[in-house]
C-alpha atoms as a PDB file:
ATOM      1  CA  MET A   1      86.759 149.087  82.058  1.00  0.00           C
ATOM      2  CA  HIS A   2      89.615 148.370  83.237  1.00  0.00           C
ATOM      3  CA  TRP A   3      93.329 150.147  81.025  1.00  0.00           C
ATOM      4  CA  SER A   4      96.830 149.463  80.744  1.00  0.00           C
ATOM      5  CA  ILE A   5      99.618 152.217  78.959  1.00  0.00           C
ATOM      6  CA  LEU A   6     102.457 151.816  76.713  1.00  0.00           C
ATOM      7  CA  CYS A   7     103.534 154.578  76.539  1.00  0.00           C
ATOM      8  CA  ASP A   8     106.312 154.930  73.428  1.00  0.00           C
ATOM      9  CA  PHE A   9     110.014 157.160  74.588  1.00  0.00           C
ATOM     10  CA  ASP A  10     112.354 158.147  72.204  1.00  0.00           C
ATOM     11  CA  GLY A  11     110.402 162.137  70.896  1.00  0.00           C
ATOM     12  CA  THR A  12     107.408 160.815  72.927  1.00  0.00           C
ATOM     13  CA  ILE A  13     109.187 160.815  76.594  1.00  0.00           C
ATOM     14  CA  SER A  14     112.191 162.008  75.973  1.00  0.00           C
ATOM     15  CA  LEU A  15     111.873 165.575  73.859  1.00  0.00           C
ATOM     16  CA  GLU A  16     114.807 164.162  71.416  1.00  0.00           C
ATOM     17  CA  ASP A  17     115.098 160.444  69.695  1.00  0.00           C
ATOM     18  CA  VAL A  18     118.026 159.370  71.814  1.00  0.00           C
ATOM     19  CA  ILE A  19     119.964 157.192  68.565  1.00  0.00           C
ATOM     20  CA  ASP A  20     119.597 159.722  66.176  1.00  0.00           C
ATOM     21  CA  ALA A  21     120.847 162.610  68.069  1.00  0.00           C
ATOM     22  CA  LEU A  22     123.333 159.737  68.966  1.00  0.00           C
ATOM     23  CA  LEU A  23     124.585 158.977  65.166  1.00  0.00           C
ATOM     24  CA  GLU A  24     124.358 162.480  63.730  1.00  0.00           C
ATOM     25  CA  THR A  25     127.436 163.214  67.009  1.00  0.00           C
ATOM     26  CA  TYR A  26     128.563 160.060  66.900  1.00  0.00           C
ATOM     27  CA  GLY A  27     127.872 158.217  63.881  1.00  0.00           C
ATOM     28  CA  GLN A  28     130.831 156.993  61.744  1.00  0.00           C
ATOM     29  CA  PRO A  29     129.856 156.759  57.736  1.00  0.00           C
ATOM     30  CA  GLY A  30     126.935 154.411  56.544  1.00  0.00           C
ATOM     31  CA  TRP A  31     124.511 154.924  58.934  1.00  0.00           C
ATOM     32  CA  GLN A  32     122.772 157.005  56.956  1.00  0.00           C
ATOM     33  CA  GLU A  33     122.932 154.757  54.401  1.00  0.00           C
ATOM     34  CA  LEU A  34     121.603 151.668  56.535  1.00  0.00           C
ATOM     35  CA  GLU A  35     118.453 154.670  57.497  1.00  0.00           C
ATOM     36  CA  GLU A  36     118.130 155.216  53.627  1.00  0.00           C
ATOM     37  CA  GLN A  37     117.321 151.292  53.363  1.00  0.00           C
ATOM     38  CA  TRP A  38     115.197 151.379  56.646  1.00  0.00           C
ATOM     39  CA  LYS A  39     113.234 155.184  55.145  1.00  0.00           C
ATOM     40  CA  ALA A  40     112.883 152.455  51.678  1.00  0.00           C
ATOM     41  CA  GLY A  41     111.621 148.914  53.853  1.00  0.00           C
ATOM     42  CA  THR A  42     114.568 147.236  52.377  1.00  0.00           C
ATOM     43  CA  ILE A  43     115.766 146.460  55.569  1.00  0.00           C
ATOM     44  CA  GLY A  44     113.505 146.251  59.074  1.00  0.00           C
ATOM     45  CA  SER A  45     113.933 148.635  62.178  1.00  0.00           C
ATOM     46  CA  ARG A  46     116.021 145.850  63.991  1.00  0.00           C
ATOM     47  CA  GLU A  47     118.517 145.096  61.172  1.00  0.00           C
ATOM     48  CA  CYS A  48     118.821 148.922  60.760  1.00  0.00           C
ATOM     49  CA  MET A  49     119.554 150.260  63.875  1.00  0.00           C
ATOM     50  CA  GLN A  50     122.106 146.577  65.164  1.00  0.00           C
ATOM     51  CA  GLY A  51     124.260 148.292  62.574  1.00  0.00           C
ATOM     52  CA  GLN A  52     123.730 152.262  63.166  1.00  0.00           C
ATOM     53  CA  VAL A  53     124.697 151.034  66.738  1.00  0.00           C
ATOM     54  CA  ARG A  54     128.129 149.220  65.482  1.00  0.00           C
ATOM     55  CA  LEU A  55     128.661 151.713  63.557  1.00  0.00           C
ATOM     56  CA  LEU A  56     128.847 154.548  66.969  1.00  0.00           C
ATOM     57  CA  GLN A  57     132.414 156.460  68.940  1.00  0.00           C
ATOM     58  CA  LEU A  58     132.088 156.816  71.775  1.00  0.00           C
ATOM     59  CA  ASP A  59     133.016 155.172  75.155  1.00  0.00           C
ATOM     60  CA  PRO A  60     130.474 154.199  78.171  1.00  0.00           C
ATOM     61  CA  ALA A  61     130.928 157.586  80.235  1.00  0.00           C
ATOM     62  CA  THR A  62     130.678 159.910  76.870  1.00  0.00           C
ATOM     63  CA  LEU A  63     127.284 158.004  76.184  1.00  0.00           C
ATOM     64  CA  ASP A  64     126.480 158.839  80.006  1.00  0.00           C
ATOM     65  CA  ALA A  65     126.865 162.572  79.601  1.00  0.00           C
ATOM     66  CA  HIS A  66     125.469 162.718  76.442  1.00  0.00           C
ATOM     67  CA  LEU A  67     121.756 161.084  78.130  1.00  0.00           C
ATOM     68  CA  ASP A  68     122.560 163.021  81.184  1.00  0.00           C
ATOM     69  CA  GLN A  69     121.277 166.030  79.172  1.00  0.00           C
ATOM     70  CA  VAL A  70     118.735 164.866  77.078  1.00  0.00           C
ATOM     71  CA  ARG A  71     115.309 166.934  78.510  1.00  0.00           C
ATOM     72  CA  ILE A  72     111.591 165.387  79.073  1.00  0.00           C
ATOM     73  CA  ASP A  73     108.085 165.779  78.275  1.00  0.00           C
ATOM     74  CA  PRO A  74     107.526 168.428  81.162  1.00  0.00           C
ATOM     75  CA  GLY A  75     104.741 166.526  83.142  1.00  0.00           C
ATOM     76  CA  PHE A  76     105.719 162.908  82.542  1.00  0.00           C
ATOM     77  CA  ILE A  77     106.729 162.912  85.921  1.00  0.00           C
ATOM     78  CA  ASP A  78     103.410 164.281  86.798  1.00  0.00           C
ATOM     79  CA  PHE A  79     101.886 161.524  84.440  1.00  0.00           C
ATOM     80  CA  VAL A  80     103.581 158.834  86.266  1.00  0.00           C
ATOM     81  CA  THR A  81     102.121 159.863  89.777  1.00  0.00           C
ATOM     82  CA  TYR A  82      99.055 159.866  88.285  1.00  0.00           C
ATOM     83  CA  THR A  83      98.754 156.815  86.673  1.00  0.00           C
ATOM     84  CA  GLN A  84     100.513 155.635  90.484  1.00  0.00           C
ATOM     85  CA  GLN A  85      97.376 156.833  92.259  1.00  0.00           C
ATOM     86  CA  LEU A  86      95.348 155.748  89.842  1.00  0.00           C
ATOM     87  CA  GLY A  87      96.103 152.354  90.267  1.00  0.00           C
ATOM     88  CA  VAL A  88      96.561 152.187  86.104  1.00  0.00           C
ATOM     89  CA  PRO A  89      99.682 149.679  85.151  1.00  0.00           C
ATOM     90  CA  LEU A  90     102.680 151.764  83.402  1.00  0.00           C
ATOM     91  CA  ARG A  91     105.187 149.919  81.101  1.00  0.00           C
ATOM     92  CA  ILE A  92     107.198 151.672  78.797  1.00  0.00           C
ATOM     93  CA  VAL A  93     107.562 150.084  74.435  1.00  0.00           C
ATOM     94  CA  SER A  94     110.257 151.099  72.543  1.00  0.00           C
ATOM     95  CA  ASP A  95     112.351 150.558  69.617  1.00  0.00           C
ATOM     96  CA  GLY A  96     115.072 152.129  70.981  1.00  0.00           C
ATOM     97  CA  LEU A  97     117.745 151.402  73.737  1.00  0.00           C
ATOM     98  CA  ASP A  98     116.930 150.144  77.607  1.00  0.00           C
ATOM     99  CA  TYR A  99     120.355 151.591  78.967  1.00  0.00           C
ATOM    100  CA  ALA A 100     119.815 155.079  77.208  1.00  0.00           C
ATOM    101  CA  ILE A 101     115.449 154.979  78.761  1.00  0.00           C
ATOM    102  CA  HIS A 102     116.669 154.000  82.133  1.00  0.00           C
ATOM    103  CA  ARG A 103     118.989 156.341  82.960  1.00  0.00           C
ATOM    104  CA  ILE A 104     117.524 159.378  81.994  1.00  0.00           C
ATOM    105  CA  LEU A 105     114.428 158.463  83.379  1.00  0.00           C
ATOM    106  CA  ALA A 106     116.792 157.961  86.473  1.00  0.00           C
ATOM    107  CA  ASN A 107     118.340 161.494  86.072  1.00  0.00           C
ATOM    108  CA  HIS A 108     114.769 163.177  85.958  1.00  0.00           C
ATOM    109  CA  GLY A 109     113.889 161.039  89.927  1.00  0.00           C
ATOM    110  CA  LEU A 110     111.462 158.576  88.191  1.00  0.00           C
ATOM    111  CA  PRO A 111     111.027 155.876  90.376  1.00  0.00           C
ATOM    112  CA  PRO A 112     111.793 152.041  88.152  1.00  0.00           C
ATOM    113  CA  LEU A 113     109.277 151.613  85.914  1.00  0.00           C
ATOM    114  CA  PRO A 114     108.937 148.332  83.518  1.00  0.00           C
ATOM    115  CA  VAL A 115     111.025 149.021  80.404  1.00  0.00           C
ATOM    116  CA  VAL A 116     110.425 146.728  77.193  1.00  0.00           C
ATOM    117  CA  ALA A 117     113.252 147.542  74.320  1.00  0.00           C
ATOM    118  CA  ASN A 118     116.647 146.826  72.888  1.00  0.00           C
ATOM    119  CA  HIS A 119     119.398 145.870  74.664  1.00  0.00           C
ATOM    120  CA  LEU A 120     122.673 147.398  74.413  1.00  0.00           C
ATOM    121  CA  ARG A 121     126.137 146.274  74.662  1.00  0.00           C
ATOM    122  CA  TRP A 122     129.636 147.609  75.701  1.00  0.00           C
ATOM    123  CA  CYS A 123     131.826 145.218  74.096  1.00  0.00           C
ATOM    124  CA  GLY A 124     135.228 146.865  75.004  1.00  0.00           C
ATOM    125  CA  ASP A 125     135.677 148.466  71.712  1.00  0.00           C
ATOM    126  CA  HIS A 126     132.215 149.110  69.530  1.00  0.00           C
ATOM    127  CA  TRP A 127     128.236 149.196  71.028  1.00  0.00           C
ATOM    128  CA  GLU A 128     126.119 145.607  70.155  1.00  0.00           C
ATOM    129  CA  LEU A 129     122.351 146.225  70.318  1.00  0.00           C
ATOM    130  CA  ASP A 130     120.200 142.881  71.080  1.00  0.00           C
ATOM    131  CA  ALA A 131     117.012 142.222  70.823  1.00  0.00           C
ATOM    132  CA  PRO A 132     115.502 140.854  73.498  1.00  0.00           C
ATOM    133  CA  HIS A 133     112.156 141.428  72.482  1.00  0.00           C
ATOM    134  CA  GLN A 134     111.400 140.823  68.639  1.00  0.00           C
ATOM    135  CA  ALA A 135     109.193 138.641  67.575  1.00  0.00           C
ATOM    136  CA  ASP A 136     108.329 136.418  64.455  1.00  0.00           C
ATOM    137  CA  GLY A 137     107.296 137.658  61.523  1.00  0.00           C
ATOM    138  CA  CYS A 138     107.523 141.456  62.792  1.00  0.00           C
ATOM    139  CA  ARG A 139     111.431 142.873  61.458  1.00  0.00           C
ATOM    140  CA  SER A 140     110.964 145.358  64.444  1.00  0.00           C
ATOM    141  CA  GLY A 141     113.821 144.835  67.509  1.00  0.00           C
ATOM    142  CA  THR A 142     110.283 145.311  70.105  1.00  0.00           C
ATOM    143  CA  CYS A 143     107.648 143.848  69.152  1.00  0.00           C
ATOM    144  CA  LYS A 144     104.662 146.231  69.729  1.00  0.00           C
ATOM    145  CA  CYS A 145     102.111 144.465  69.010  1.00  0.00           C
ATOM    146  CA  ALA A 146     102.970 141.155  71.086  1.00  0.00           C
ATOM    147  CA  ILE A 147     103.791 143.635  74.143  1.00  0.00           C
ATOM    148  CA  ALA A 148      99.988 145.250  73.354  1.00  0.00           C
ATOM    149  CA  ALA A 149      98.478 141.530  73.172  1.00  0.00           C
ATOM    150  CA  HIS A 150      99.996 140.709  76.627  1.00  0.00           C
ATOM    151  CA  ALA A 151      99.386 143.354  78.355  1.00  0.00           C
ATOM    152  CA  ARG A 152      95.817 142.268  77.477  1.00  0.00           C
ATOM    153  CA  ALA A 153      96.068 139.070  78.378  1.00  0.00           C
ATOM    154  CA  SER A 154      97.571 139.295  81.713  1.00  0.00           C
ATOM    155  CA  GLU A 155      97.534 142.957  83.079  1.00  0.00           C
ATOM    156  CA  ALA A 156      93.552 144.516  81.601  1.00  0.00           C
ATOM    157  CA  PRO A 157      91.054 144.097  78.639  1.00  0.00           C
ATOM    158  CA  ARG A 158      92.076 147.427  76.895  1.00  0.00           C
ATOM    159  CA  VAL A 159      94.695 149.335  76.263  1.00  0.00           C
ATOM    160  CA  LEU A 160      95.937 152.220  75.432  1.00  0.00           C
ATOM    161  CA  MET A 161      99.056 153.574  73.357  1.00  0.00           C
ATOM    162  CA  ILE A 162     100.907 156.602  74.125  1.00  0.00           C
ATOM    163  CA  GLY A 163     103.172 157.971  70.604  1.00  0.00           C
ATOM    164  CA  ASP A 164     104.770 160.065  68.792  1.00  0.00           C
ATOM    165  CA  GLY A 165     106.147 158.137  65.244  1.00  0.00           C
ATOM    166  CA  THR A 166     106.176 155.537  62.487  1.00  0.00           C
ATOM    167  CA  SER A 167     107.471 152.751  65.138  1.00  0.00           C
ATOM    168  CA  ASP A 168     104.154 153.049  67.591  1.00  0.00           C
ATOM    169  CA  PHE A 169     101.873 152.850  63.914  1.00  0.00           C
ATOM    170  CA  CYS A 170     101.335 148.515  64.100  1.00  0.00           C
ATOM    171  CA  VAL A 171     100.416 148.474  67.603  1.00  0.00           C
ATOM    172  CA  SER A 172      98.031 152.085  67.572  1.00  0.00           C
ATOM    173  CA  GLU A 173      96.271 149.666  64.808  1.00  0.00           C
ATOM    174  CA  HIS A 174      96.096 146.944  67.957  1.00  0.00           C
ATOM    175  CA  ALA A 175      95.892 149.061  70.757  1.00  0.00           C
ATOM    176  CA  ASP A 176      91.725 150.378  71.936  1.00  0.00           C
ATOM    177  CA  TYR A 177      93.113 153.986  72.094  1.00  0.00           C
ATOM    178  CA  VAL A 178      96.514 156.430  71.082  1.00  0.00           C
ATOM    179  CA  PHE A 179      97.498 159.395  72.704  1.00  0.00           C
ATOM    180  CA  ALA A 180      99.257 160.664  69.788  1.00  0.00           C
ATOM    181  CA  LYS A 181     101.733 163.179  69.120  1.00  0.00           C
ATOM    182  CA  ARG A 182     103.528 165.179  65.794  1.00  0.00           C
ATOM    183  CA  ARG A 183     103.093 161.220  63.237  1.00  0.00           C
ATOM    184  CA  LEU A 184     100.811 159.353  64.995  1.00  0.00           C
ATOM    185  CA  VAL A 185      98.265 161.827  64.595  1.00  0.00           C
ATOM    186  CA  THR A 186      97.709 161.281  61.312  1.00  0.00           C
ATOM    187  CA  HIS A 187      98.362 157.866  61.289  1.00  0.00           C
ATOM    188  CA  CYS A 188      95.824 157.615  63.710  1.00  0.00           C
ATOM    189  CA  HIS A 189      93.187 159.669  61.854  1.00  0.00           C
ATOM    190  CA  ASN A 190      94.273 158.305  57.925  1.00  0.00           C
ATOM    191  CA  ALA A 191      93.407 155.155  59.397  1.00  0.00           C
ATOM    192  CA  GLY A 192      90.547 155.687  61.664  1.00  0.00           C
ATOM    193  CA  ILE A 193      92.352 155.203  64.879  1.00  0.00           C
ATOM    194  CA  PRO A 194      90.411 155.970  67.926  1.00  0.00           C
ATOM    195  CA  HIS A 195      92.620 158.741  69.411  1.00  0.00           C
ATOM    196  CA  THR A 196      93.145 161.900  70.400  1.00  0.00           C
ATOM    197  CA  ALA A 197      96.283 164.531  69.729  1.00  0.00           C
ATOM    198  CA  ILE A 198      98.512 165.655  72.901  1.00  0.00           C
ATOM    199  CA  ASN A 199     100.920 168.411  72.877  1.00  0.00           C
ATOM    200  CA  THR A 200     102.328 167.411  75.971  1.00  0.00           C
ATOM    201  CA  PHE A 201     102.160 164.563  79.259  1.00  0.00           C
ATOM    202  CA  HIS A 202      99.422 167.640  81.148  1.00  0.00           C
ATOM    203  CA  ASP A 203      96.947 166.921  78.075  1.00  0.00           C
ATOM    204  CA  ALA A 204      97.988 163.381  78.449  1.00  0.00           C
ATOM    205  CA  ILE A 205      96.256 163.938  82.480  1.00  0.00           C
ATOM    206  CA  ALA A 206      93.379 165.817  81.152  1.00  0.00           C
ATOM    207  CA  LEU A 207      92.454 162.976  79.251  1.00  0.00           C
ATOM    208  CA  LEU A 208      92.375 159.585  81.906  1.00  0.00           C
ATOM    209  CA  PRO A 209      89.579 160.011  83.431  1.00  0.00           C
ATOM    210  CA  ARG A 210      87.491 160.510  80.673  1.00  0.00           C
ATOM    211  CA  LEU A 211      89.179 157.945  79.371  1.00  0.00           C
ATOM    212  CA  LEU A 212      88.835 155.203  81.907  1.00  0.00           C
ATOM    213  CA  GLU A 213      85.543 156.178  83.140  1.00  0.00           C
ATOM    214  CA  GLY A 214      84.423 155.821  78.862  1.00  0.00           C
ATOM    215  CA  SER A 215      83.565 159.559  77.900  1.00  0.00           C
ATOM    216  CA  LEU A 216      86.498 159.727  75.123  1.00  0.00           C
ATOM    217  CA  LEU A 217      85.568 156.555  73.206  1.00  0.00           C
ATOM    218  CA  SER A 218      82.449 157.845  72.711  1.00  0.00           C
ATOM    219  CA  PRO A 219      81.583 158.278  69.065  1.00  0.00           C
ATOM    220  CA  SER A 220      79.715 161.409  68.880  1.00  0.00           C
ATOM    221  CA  LEU A 221      83.113 162.835  71.081  1.00  0.00           C
ATOM    222  CA  PRO A 222      85.660 164.124  68.540  1.00  0.00           C
ATOM    223  CA  HIS A 223      88.967 162.490  69.039  1.00  0.00           C
ATOM    224  CA  LEU A 224      90.855 166.002  69.196  1.00  0.00           C
ATOM    225  CA  LEU A 225      92.200 167.693  71.790  1.00  0.00           C
ATOM    226  CA  ALA A 226      94.798 170.177  69.918  1.00  0.00           C
ATOM    227  CA  THR A 227      96.814 170.555  67.229  1.00  0.00           C
ATOM    228  CA  ALA A 228     100.321 168.729  67.738  1.00  0.00           C
END
């Protein structure tokens, strides 16, 4: 069986949600109200994040200094190496910030990886967020379901999703299997989505050969490795 991998970034690869951390430190008043509107479902994540990014009060040098302190999952570098050895396509799909993802990965010595995310722009005195990967009918900045469909059509017939939170709920229902962290574990369990809970990407490395050979897809196996 041939697979491709889609992997979330914030809270999955990175150990913090980058935009949340930036807002807590540099956000001007009003970002919390947008967050509450998003949680209530009155606005989508795209509208929420575009408004919140405009409220960030920091210059590019300060942004870089913050990003240079962001830590990543201790097993992710080895996971990237392993997928490359196996020839399994890996793409980062995020409803976060493309600039932040590229800089953080480079800081940890990782080679350039395909990244699908919102585009962050500095406009001289404020930040703007573009959503080049939105889709009709989807209120997210990045429509991960559309990316999964494209990967299935162009790369491999089966899709593994790795994620941790709300932005991964919808795409997990369209993936063939999920390696889940945190809130995504509960969602997959409640929705009956085939998954295994992971704590770190070291767990994902151990699981990947079993997925590729098909044994993880057996209904007789429990879909649980660790409590996330």
